[in-house]
């Protein structure tokens, strides 16, 4: 029990807080041709799929999993 038993924090769904936060602090995008996604391999080990993250301005846009048979599994990151 806390010393402030009278004050009860308000409950808000996680997604509504994230949406409010993103809409307030979202920078305007400049869709110029010089912006290209950066690639970072976050997992690579022998006999395992390689996992790569494609980001724009430090924000993940896509996760690419390179399967052993040469196929790619692409997962879009929508916020």
PDB file of N, CA and C in Angstrom:
ATOM      1  N   UNK A   1       0.847  -1.192   0.000  1.00  0.00           N
ATOM      2  CA  UNK A   1       0.000   0.000   0.000  1.00  0.00           C
ATOM      3  C   UNK A   1       0.883   1.242   0.000  1.00  0.00           C
ATOM      4  N   UNK A   2       0.444   2.229  -0.704  1.00  0.00           N
ATOM      5  CA  UNK A   2       1.208   3.476  -0.747  1.00  0.00           C
ATOM      6  C   UNK A   2       0.674   4.443   0.294  1.00  0.00           C
ATOM      7  N   UNK A   3       1.428   5.491   0.553  1.00  0.00           N
ATOM      8  CA  UNK A   3       1.006   6.487   1.528  1.00  0.00           C
ATOM      9  C   UNK A   3      -0.130   7.339   0.983  1.00  0.00           C
ATOM     10  N   UNK A   4      -0.311   7.382  -0.331  1.00  0.00           N
ATOM     11  CA  UNK A   4      -1.395   8.133  -0.959  1.00  0.00           C
ATOM     12  C   UNK A   4      -2.506   7.189  -1.371  1.00  0.00           C
ATOM     13  N   UNK A   5      -3.236   6.650  -0.443  1.00  0.00           N
ATOM     14  CA  UNK A   5      -4.301   5.709  -0.753  1.00  0.00           C
ATOM     15  C   UNK A   5      -5.489   6.395  -1.424  1.00  0.00           C
ATOM     16  N   UNK A   6      -5.654   7.724  -1.217  1.00  0.00           N
ATOM     17  CA  UNK A   6      -6.784   8.445  -1.787  1.00  0.00           C
ATOM     18  C   UNK A   6      -6.605   8.711  -3.280  1.00  0.00           C
ATOM     19  N   UNK A   7      -5.372   8.799  -3.749  1.00  0.00           N
ATOM     20  CA  UNK A   7      -5.160   9.096  -5.173  1.00  0.00           C
ATOM     21  C   UNK A   7      -5.019   7.794  -5.951  1.00  0.00           C
ATOM     22  N   UNK A   8      -5.928   7.591  -6.890  1.00  0.00           N
ATOM     23  CA  UNK A   8      -5.932   6.397  -7.721  1.00  0.00           C
ATOM     24  C   UNK A   8      -5.550   6.829  -9.134  1.00  0.00           C
ATOM     25  N   UNK A   9      -4.501   6.229  -9.701  1.00  0.00           N
ATOM     26  CA  UNK A   9      -4.107   6.629 -11.051  1.00  0.00           C
ATOM     27  C   UNK A   9      -5.192   6.249 -12.057  1.00  0.00           C
ATOM     28  N   UNK A  10      -5.359   7.079 -13.069  1.00  0.00           N
ATOM     29  CA  UNK A  10      -6.379   6.784 -14.079  1.00  0.00           C
ATOM     30  C   UNK A  10      -5.861   5.704 -15.010  1.00  0.00           C
ATOM     31  N   UNK A  11      -6.755   4.848 -15.430  1.00  0.00           N
ATOM     32  CA  UNK A  11      -6.408   3.752 -16.326  1.00  0.00           C
ATOM     33  C   UNK A  11      -6.710   4.168 -17.755  1.00  0.00           C
ATOM     34  N   UNK A  12      -5.697   4.040 -18.636  1.00  0.00           N
ATOM     35  CA  UNK A  12      -5.890   4.321 -20.053  1.00  0.00           C
ATOM     36  C   UNK A  12      -5.316   3.170 -20.850  1.00  0.00           C
ATOM     37  N   UNK A  13      -5.961   2.774 -21.933  1.00  0.00           N
ATOM     38  CA  UNK A  13      -5.391   1.728 -22.786  1.00  0.00           C
ATOM     39  C   UNK A  13      -4.052   2.177 -23.348  1.00  0.00           C
ATOM     40  N   UNK A  14      -3.121   1.237 -23.463  1.00  0.00           N
ATOM     41  CA  UNK A  14      -1.774   1.547 -23.928  1.00  0.00           C
ATOM     42  C   UNK A  14      -1.785   2.172 -25.315  1.00  0.00           C
ATOM     43  N   UNK A  15      -2.589   1.645 -26.232  1.00  0.00           N
ATOM     44  CA  UNK A  15      -2.584   2.143 -27.602  1.00  0.00           C
ATOM     45  C   UNK A  15      -3.103   3.566 -27.708  1.00  0.00           C
ATOM     46  N   UNK A  16      -4.047   3.960 -26.876  1.00  0.00           N
ATOM     47  CA  UNK A  16      -4.545   5.328 -26.956  1.00  0.00           C
ATOM     48  C   UNK A  16      -3.479   6.314 -26.493  1.00  0.00           C
ATOM     49  N   UNK A  17      -2.687   5.958 -25.516  1.00  0.00           N
ATOM     50  CA  UNK A  17      -1.600   6.823 -25.053  1.00  0.00           C
ATOM     51  C   UNK A  17      -0.535   6.944 -26.136  1.00  0.00           C
ATOM     52  N   UNK A  18      -0.187   5.826 -26.768  1.00  0.00           N
ATOM     53  CA  UNK A  18       0.823   5.846 -27.828  1.00  0.00           C
ATOM     54  C   UNK A  18       0.337   6.666 -29.014  1.00  0.00           C
ATOM     55  N   UNK A  19      -0.938   6.563 -29.359  1.00  0.00           N
ATOM     56  CA  UNK A  19      -1.476   7.325 -30.481  1.00  0.00           C
ATOM     57  C   UNK A  19      -1.464   8.809 -30.180  1.00  0.00           C
ATOM     58  N   UNK A  20      -1.868   9.192 -28.965  1.00  0.00           N
ATOM     59  CA  UNK A  20      -1.841  10.597 -28.574  1.00  0.00           C
ATOM     60  C   UNK A  20      -0.423  11.131 -28.595  1.00  0.00           C
ATOM     61  N   UNK A  21       0.521  10.366 -28.073  1.00  0.00           N
ATOM     62  CA  UNK A  21       1.918  10.788 -28.009  1.00  0.00           C
ATOM     63  C   UNK A  21       2.492  10.967 -29.408  1.00  0.00           C
ATOM     64  N   UNK A  22       2.220  10.022 -30.314  1.00  0.00           N
ATOM     65  CA  UNK A  22       2.742  10.094 -31.676  1.00  0.00           C
ATOM     66  C   UNK A  22       2.138  11.242 -32.461  1.00  0.00           C
ATOM     67  N   UNK A  23       0.861  11.527 -32.258  1.00  0.00           N
ATOM     68  CA  UNK A  23       0.235  12.606 -33.011  1.00  0.00           C
ATOM     69  C   UNK A  23       0.734  13.969 -32.545  1.00  0.00           C
ATOM     70  N   UNK A  24       1.120  14.091 -31.288  1.00  0.00           N
ATOM     71  CA  UNK A  24       1.618  15.357 -30.773  1.00  0.00           C
ATOM     72  C   UNK A  24       3.077  15.592 -31.153  1.00  0.00           C
ATOM     73  N   UNK A  25       3.895  14.544 -31.166  1.00  0.00           N
ATOM     74  CA  UNK A  25       5.325  14.690 -31.373  1.00  0.00           C
ATOM     75  C   UNK A  25       5.810  14.191 -32.719  1.00  0.00           C
ATOM     76  N   UNK A  26       4.927  13.959 -33.661  1.00  0.00           N
ATOM     77  CA  UNK A  26       5.323  13.402 -34.942  1.00  0.00           C
ATOM     78  C   UNK A  26       5.913  14.504 -35.813  1.00  0.00           C
ATOM     79  N   UNK A  27       7.186  14.367 -36.198  1.00  0.00           N
ATOM     80  CA  UNK A  27       7.780  15.390 -37.050  1.00  0.00           C
ATOM     81  C   UNK A  27       7.220  15.288 -38.466  1.00  0.00           C
ATOM     82  N   UNK A  28       7.210  16.425 -39.162  1.00  0.00           N
ATOM     83  CA  UNK A  28       6.741  16.414 -40.534  1.00  0.00           C
ATOM     84  C   UNK A  28       7.789  15.748 -41.397  1.00  0.00           C
ATOM     85  N   UNK A  29       7.328  14.891 -42.301  1.00  0.00           N
ATOM     86  CA  UNK A  29       8.241  14.171 -43.172  1.00  0.00           C
ATOM     87  C   UNK A  29       8.507  14.984 -44.423  1.00  0.00           C
ATOM     88  N   UNK A  30       9.747  14.943 -44.837  1.00  0.00           N
ATOM     89  CA  UNK A  30      10.137  15.545 -46.094  1.00  0.00           C
ATOM     90  C   UNK A  30      10.384  14.396 -47.052  1.00  0.00           C
ATOM     91  N   UNK A  31       9.467  14.163 -47.986  1.00  0.00           N
ATOM     92  CA  UNK A  31       9.541  13.010 -48.865  1.00  0.00           C
ATOM     93  C   UNK A  31      10.454  13.283 -50.059  1.00  0.00           C
ATOM     94  N   UNK A  32      11.657  13.695 -49.809  1.00  0.00           N
ATOM     95  CA  UNK A  32      12.600  13.941 -50.890  1.00  0.00           C
ATOM     96  C   UNK A  32      13.281  12.643 -51.278  1.00  0.00           C
ATOM     97  N   UNK A  33      13.879  12.634 -52.465  1.00  0.00           N
ATOM     98  CA  UNK A  33      14.477  11.414 -52.999  1.00  0.00           C
ATOM     99  C   UNK A  33      15.772  11.031 -52.284  1.00  0.00           C
ATOM    100  N   UNK A  34      16.368  11.940 -51.518  1.00  0.00           N
ATOM    101  CA  UNK A  34      17.643  11.638 -50.864  1.00  0.00           C
ATOM    102  C   UNK A  34      17.490  10.823 -49.589  1.00  0.00           C
ATOM    103  N   UNK A  35      16.256  10.589 -49.147  1.00  0.00           N
ATOM    104  CA  UNK A  35      16.042   9.769 -47.963  1.00  0.00           C
ATOM    105  C   UNK A  35      15.998   8.308 -48.378  1.00  0.00           C
ATOM    106  N   UNK A  36      16.878   7.504 -47.796  1.00  0.00           N
ATOM    107  CA  UNK A  36      16.856   6.078 -48.082  1.00  0.00           C
ATOM    108  C   UNK A  36      16.887   5.330 -46.765  1.00  0.00           C
ATOM    109  N   UNK A  37      16.212   4.191 -46.709  1.00  0.00           N
ATOM    110  CA  UNK A  37      16.186   3.435 -45.448  1.00  0.00           C
ATOM    111  C   UNK A  37      17.565   2.885 -45.106  1.00  0.00           C
ATOM    112  N   UNK A  38      17.879   2.893 -43.833  1.00  0.00           N
ATOM    113  CA  UNK A  38      19.129   2.295 -43.378  1.00  0.00           C
ATOM    114  C   UNK A  38      18.853   0.854 -42.967  1.00  0.00           C
ATOM    115  N   UNK A  39      19.848   0.006 -43.144  1.00  0.00           N
ATOM    116  CA  UNK A  39      19.695  -1.416 -42.879  1.00  0.00           C
ATOM    117  C   UNK A  39      20.627  -1.821 -41.750  1.00  0.00           C
ATOM    118  N   UNK A  40      20.108  -2.647 -40.833  1.00  0.00           N
ATOM    119  CA  UNK A  40      20.911  -3.158 -39.727  1.00  0.00           C
ATOM    120  C   UNK A  40      20.573  -4.634 -39.512  1.00  0.00           C
ATOM    121  N   UNK A  41      21.583  -5.475 -39.556  1.00  0.00           N
ATOM    122  CA  UNK A  41      21.395  -6.895 -39.279  1.00  0.00           C
ATOM    123  C   UNK A  41      21.423  -7.065 -37.764  1.00  0.00           C
ATOM    124  N   UNK A  42      20.315  -7.554 -37.200  1.00  0.00           N
ATOM    125  CA  UNK A  42      20.247  -7.691 -35.741  1.00  0.00           C
ATOM    126  C   UNK A  42      20.473  -9.118 -35.273  1.00  0.00           C
ATOM    127  N   UNK A  43      20.429 -10.089 -36.220  1.00  0.00           N
ATOM    128  CA  UNK A  43      20.719 -11.467 -35.841  1.00  0.00           C
ATOM    129  C   UNK A  43      21.260 -12.199 -37.051  1.00  0.00           C
ATOM    130  N   UNK A  44      22.409 -12.802 -36.895  1.00  0.00           N
ATOM    131  CA  UNK A  44      22.992 -13.618 -37.953  1.00  0.00           C
ATOM    132  C   UNK A  44      23.861 -14.677 -37.299  1.00  0.00           C
ATOM    133  N   UNK A  45      23.486 -15.929 -37.511  1.00  0.00           N
ATOM    134  CA  UNK A  45      24.196 -17.053 -36.911  1.00  0.00           C
ATOM    135  C   UNK A  45      24.141 -18.219 -37.894  1.00  0.00           C
ATOM    136  N   UNK A  46      25.146 -19.074 -37.854  1.00  0.00           N
ATOM    137  CA  UNK A  46      25.199 -20.220 -38.764  1.00  0.00           C
ATOM    138  C   UNK A  46      23.972 -21.106 -38.600  1.00  0.00           C
ATOM    139  N   UNK A  47      23.437 -21.576 -39.710  1.00  0.00           N
ATOM    140  CA  UNK A  47      22.269 -22.473 -39.752  1.00  0.00           C
ATOM    141  C   UNK A  47      21.012 -21.859 -39.154  1.00  0.00           C
ATOM    142  N   UNK A  48      20.925 -20.530 -39.159  1.00  0.00           N
ATOM    143  CA  UNK A  48      19.745 -19.828 -38.650  1.00  0.00           C
ATOM    144  C   UNK A  48      19.361 -18.727 -39.644  1.00  0.00           C
ATOM    145  N   UNK A  49      18.096 -18.331 -39.664  1.00  0.00           N
ATOM    146  CA  UNK A  49      17.703 -17.206 -40.522  1.00  0.00           C
ATOM    147  C   UNK A  49      18.375 -15.908 -40.063  1.00  0.00           C
ATOM    148  N   UNK A  50      18.704 -15.055 -41.031  1.00  0.00           N
ATOM    149  CA  UNK A  50      19.271 -13.737 -40.732  1.00  0.00           C
ATOM    150  C   UNK A  50      18.125 -12.749 -40.587  1.00  0.00           C
ATOM    151  N   UNK A  51      18.179 -11.889 -39.573  1.00  0.00           N
ATOM    152  CA  UNK A  51      17.123 -10.908 -39.322  1.00  0.00           C
ATOM    153  C   UNK A  51      17.700  -9.519 -39.528  1.00  0.00           C
ATOM    154  N   UNK A  52      17.030  -8.741 -40.361  1.00  0.00           N
ATOM    155  CA  UNK A  52      17.487  -7.406 -40.742  1.00  0.00           C
ATOM    156  C   UNK A  52      16.355  -6.415 -40.491  1.00  0.00           C
ATOM    157  N   UNK A  53      16.688  -5.217 -40.012  1.00  0.00           N
ATOM    158  CA  UNK A  53      15.699  -4.171 -39.782  1.00  0.00           C
ATOM    159  C   UNK A  53      16.013  -3.008 -40.706  1.00  0.00           C
ATOM    160  N   UNK A  54      15.004  -2.552 -41.445  1.00  0.00           N
ATOM    161  CA  UNK A  54      15.133  -1.381 -42.307  1.00  0.00           C
ATOM    162  C   UNK A  54      14.464  -0.206 -41.598  1.00  0.00           C
ATOM    163  N   UNK A  55      15.218   0.887 -41.404  1.00  0.00           N
ATOM    164  CA  UNK A  55      14.719   2.038 -40.662  1.00  0.00           C
ATOM    165  C   UNK A  55      14.848   3.307 -41.491  1.00  0.00           C
ATOM    166  N   UNK A  56      13.955   4.257 -41.235  1.00  0.00           N
ATOM    167  CA  UNK A  56      14.039   5.600 -41.799  1.00  0.00           C
ATOM    168  C   UNK A  56      14.013   6.580 -40.639  1.00  0.00           C
ATOM    169  N   UNK A  57      14.990   7.450 -40.577  1.00  0.00           N
ATOM    170  CA  UNK A  57      15.104   8.438 -39.500  1.00  0.00           C
ATOM    171  C   UNK A  57      15.078   7.782 -38.128  1.00  0.00           C
ATOM    172  N   UNK A  58      15.689   6.591 -38.002  1.00  0.00           N
ATOM    173  CA  UNK A  58      15.767   5.893 -36.733  1.00  0.00           C
ATOM    174  C   UNK A  58      14.507   5.156 -36.334  1.00  0.00           C
ATOM    175  N   UNK A  59      13.494   5.141 -37.201  1.00  0.00           N
ATOM    176  CA  UNK A  59      12.226   4.466 -36.910  1.00  0.00           C
ATOM    177  C   UNK A  59      12.139   3.208 -37.773  1.00  0.00           C
ATOM    178  N   UNK A  60      12.003   2.026 -37.147  1.00  0.00           N
ATOM    179  CA  UNK A  60      11.893   0.789 -37.935  1.00  0.00           C
ATOM    180  C   UNK A  60      10.683   0.832 -38.862  1.00  0.00           C
ATOM    181  N   UNK A  61      10.905   0.497 -40.136  1.00  0.00           N
ATOM    182  CA  UNK A  61       9.835   0.470 -41.122  1.00  0.00           C
ATOM    183  C   UNK A  61       9.499  -0.948 -41.565  1.00  0.00           C
ATOM    184  N   UNK A  62      10.518  -1.840 -41.556  1.00  0.00           N
ATOM    185  CA  UNK A  62      10.304  -3.198 -42.043  1.00  0.00           C
ATOM    186  C   UNK A  62      11.315  -4.128 -41.390  1.00  0.00           C
ATOM    187  N   UNK A  63      10.875  -5.338 -41.070  1.00  0.00           N
ATOM    188  CA  UNK A  63      11.752  -6.401 -40.580  1.00  0.00           C
ATOM    189  C   UNK A  63      11.813  -7.438 -41.697  1.00  0.00           C
ATOM    190  N   UNK A  64      13.029  -7.777 -42.110  1.00  0.00           N
ATOM    191  CA  UNK A  64      13.225  -8.748 -43.186  1.00  0.00           C
ATOM    192  C   UNK A  64      13.949  -9.954 -42.608  1.00  0.00           C
ATOM    193  N   UNK A  65      13.347 -11.134 -42.773  1.00  0.00           N
ATOM    194  CA  UNK A  65      13.954 -12.374 -42.305  1.00  0.00           C
ATOM    195  C   UNK A  65      14.378 -13.163 -43.539  1.00  0.00           C
ATOM    196  N   UNK A  66      15.681 -13.409 -43.656  1.00  0.00           N
ATOM    197  CA  UNK A  66      16.250 -14.153 -44.783  1.00  0.00           C
ATOM    198  C   UNK A  66      16.250 -15.630 -44.409  1.00  0.00           C
ATOM    199  N   UNK A  67      15.324 -16.400 -44.994  1.00  0.00           N
ATOM    200  CA  UNK A  67      15.215 -17.824 -44.694  1.00  0.00           C
ATOM    201  C   UNK A  67      16.314 -18.600 -45.411  1.00  0.00           C
ATOM    202  N   UNK A  68      16.609 -19.787 -44.913  1.00  0.00           N
ATOM    203  CA  UNK A  68      17.730 -20.574 -45.413  1.00  0.00           C
ATOM    204  C   UNK A  68      17.547 -21.035 -46.855  1.00  0.00           C
ATOM    205  N   UNK A  69      16.305 -21.149 -47.322  1.00  0.00           N
ATOM    206  CA  UNK A  69      16.076 -21.596 -48.693  1.00  0.00           C
ATOM    207  C   UNK A  69      16.058 -20.437 -49.694  1.00  0.00           C
ATOM    208  N   UNK A  70      16.442 -19.238 -49.242  1.00  0.00           N
ATOM    209  CA  UNK A  70      16.525 -18.083 -50.126  1.00  0.00           C
ATOM    210  C   UNK A  70      15.288 -17.204 -50.129  1.00  0.00           C
ATOM    211  N   UNK A  71      14.217 -17.625 -49.503  1.00  0.00           N
ATOM    212  CA  UNK A  71      13.003 -16.817 -49.439  1.00  0.00           C
ATOM    213  C   UNK A  71      13.168 -15.705 -48.414  1.00  0.00           C
ATOM    214  N   UNK A  72      12.377 -14.642 -48.581  1.00  0.00           N
ATOM    215  CA  UNK A  72      12.365 -13.516 -47.639  1.00  0.00           C
ATOM    216  C   UNK A  72      11.000 -13.409 -46.994  1.00  0.00           C
ATOM    217  N   UNK A  73      10.994 -13.197 -45.689  1.00  0.00           N
ATOM    218  CA  UNK A  73       9.766 -12.906 -44.951  1.00  0.00           C
ATOM    219  C   UNK A  73       9.867 -11.447 -44.536  1.00  0.00           C
ATOM    220  N   UNK A  74       8.973 -10.607 -45.066  1.00  0.00           N
ATOM    221  CA  UNK A  74       9.004  -9.178 -44.766  1.00  0.00           C
ATOM    222  C   UNK A  74       7.827  -8.818 -43.876  1.00  0.00           C
ATOM    223  N   UNK A  75       8.115  -8.132 -42.787  1.00  0.00           N
ATOM    224  CA  UNK A  75       7.089  -7.715 -41.838  1.00  0.00           C
ATOM    225  C   UNK A  75       7.107  -6.201 -41.773  1.00  0.00           C
ATOM    226  N   UNK A  76       5.997  -5.567 -42.166  1.00  0.00           N
ATOM    227  CA  UNK A  76       5.887  -4.112 -42.152  1.00  0.00           C
ATOM    228  C   UNK A  76       5.632  -3.631 -40.730  1.00  0.00           C
ATOM    229  N   UNK A  77       6.278  -2.561 -40.343  1.00  0.00           N
ATOM    230  CA  UNK A  77       6.101  -1.968 -39.007  1.00  0.00           C
ATOM    231  C   UNK A  77       5.221  -0.713 -39.163  1.00  0.00           C
ATOM    232  N   UNK A  78       3.962  -0.842 -38.852  1.00  0.00           N
ATOM    233  CA  UNK A  78       3.012   0.275 -38.947  1.00  0.00           C
ATOM    234  C   UNK A  78       2.693   0.759 -37.540  1.00  0.00           C
ATOM    235  N   UNK A  79       2.840   2.049 -37.321  1.00  0.00           N
ATOM    236  CA  UNK A  79       2.603   2.627 -36.002  1.00  0.00           C
ATOM    237  C   UNK A  79       1.398   3.533 -36.042  1.00  0.00           C
TER     238      UNK A  79
END
